[in-house]
Protein backbone atom coordinates (compact mmCIF):
# COMPACT_ATOMS: atom_id res chain seq x y z
CA UNK A 1 0.00 0.00 0.00
CA UNK A 2 2.57 2.54 -0.99
CA UNK A 3 1.32 5.82 -2.26
CA UNK A 4 3.02 6.97 -5.40
CA UNK A 5 3.49 10.72 -5.44
CA UNK A 6 4.08 12.72 -8.57
CA UNK A 7 5.47 16.20 -8.75
CA UNK A 8 3.75 18.66 -11.04
CA UNK A 9 6.31 20.20 -13.39
CA UNK A 10 6.81 23.94 -13.17
CA UNK A 11 6.32 24.10 -16.96
CA UNK A 12 2.67 23.16 -16.47
CA UNK A 13 2.15 26.32 -14.41
CA UNK A 14 4.14 28.35 -16.93
CA UNK A 15 1.77 27.04 -19.60
CA UNK A 16 -1.26 28.07 -17.57
CA UNK A 17 0.13 31.57 -17.11
CA UNK A 18 1.01 31.91 -20.80
CA UNK A 19 -2.47 30.74 -21.75
CA UNK A 20 -4.27 33.13 -19.39
CA UNK A 21 -2.12 36.15 -20.26
CA UNK A 22 -2.42 35.28 -23.95
CA UNK A 23 -6.21 35.37 -23.70
CA UNK A 24 -6.09 38.72 -21.91
CA UNK A 25 -3.70 40.26 -24.46
CA UNK A 26 -5.65 38.82 -27.40
CA UNK A 27 -8.97 40.20 -26.12
CA UNK A 28 -7.35 43.59 -25.49
CA UNK A 29 -5.98 43.58 -29.04
CA UNK A 30 -9.41 42.79 -30.44
CA UNK A 31 -10.97 45.57 -28.36
CA UNK A 32 -8.53 48.15 -29.72
CA UNK A 33 -8.72 46.87 -33.31
CA UNK A 34 -11.08 49.64 -34.43
CA UNK A 35 -9.28 52.34 -32.41
CA UNK A 36 -5.53 51.53 -32.57
CA UNK A 37 -3.14 53.57 -30.43
CA UNK A 38 -1.17 56.41 -32.03
CA UNK A 39 2.05 54.47 -32.59
CA UNK A 40 4.06 53.79 -35.73
CA UNK A 41 3.18 50.12 -36.26
CA UNK A 42 -0.30 50.06 -34.72
CA UNK A 43 -1.76 48.96 -38.05
CA UNK A 44 -0.06 45.57 -37.58
CA UNK A 45 -2.10 44.92 -34.40
CA UNK A 46 0.70 43.32 -32.34
CA UNK A 47 -1.49 42.48 -29.29
CA UNK A 48 -3.62 40.19 -31.46
CA UNK A 49 -0.60 38.34 -32.86
CA UNK A 50 1.28 38.10 -29.54
CA UNK A 51 -1.86 37.05 -27.71
CA UNK A 52 -2.53 34.30 -30.25
CA UNK A 53 1.09 33.12 -30.05
CA UNK A 54 0.95 33.03 -26.25
CA UNK A 55 -2.32 31.06 -26.33
CA UNK A 56 -0.79 28.48 -28.66
CA UNK A 57 2.45 28.21 -26.67
CA UNK A 58 0.58 27.98 -23.38
CA UNK A 59 -1.65 25.26 -24.81
CA UNK A 60 1.39 23.29 -25.96
CA UNK A 61 3.07 23.62 -22.56
CA UNK A 62 -0.12 22.45 -20.84
CA UNK A 63 -0.60 19.56 -23.28
CA UNK A 64 2.93 18.20 -23.00
CA UNK A 65 3.45 18.69 -19.26
CA UNK A 66 0.00 18.02 -17.82
CA UNK A 67 -0.16 15.99 -14.60
CA UNK A 68 -1.01 12.35 -14.96
CA UNK A 69 0.51 12.03 -18.41
CA UNK A 70 2.43 8.81 -18.85
CA UNK A 71 6.04 9.32 -19.87
CA UNK A 72 8.37 6.70 -21.27
């Protein structure tokens, strides 16, 4: 009756943070789409692209380091 304990990798929490912050940045970018700030490259809408990239990266981190995943 030995309990097997597993540590949750820190990368799982990094993935959660990336995912949450990515959603927040993406939504902010969509909200300012029609009224971009007065900067040089505002027409490229960087918050939308960075938010989307952070959502994807966070999802990958969560997928590959989730607790309970069997590793070889």
